[in-house]
């Protein structure tokens, strides 16, 4: 888990929690980003960390994460 507890990642998967993403119809529910790799022999923790960080940041800036 990252020091800010925003990301959890391994060599084959990762989860992120976009900041400020709240649906007004469901304010108690949280949005998470998830990535999983199903390729045999692919296990790269640092790449997964970068991928989930970039993906989560993109979601935070998108219409999926209303202001």
Foldseek 3Di string as FASTA:
>chain_A
DDPVPQKDWWQFKIKGFAPQAADPVCRPDGDMDIGGHDDPPRGDGVVNVVVRVVVSVVCNVDPNRPD
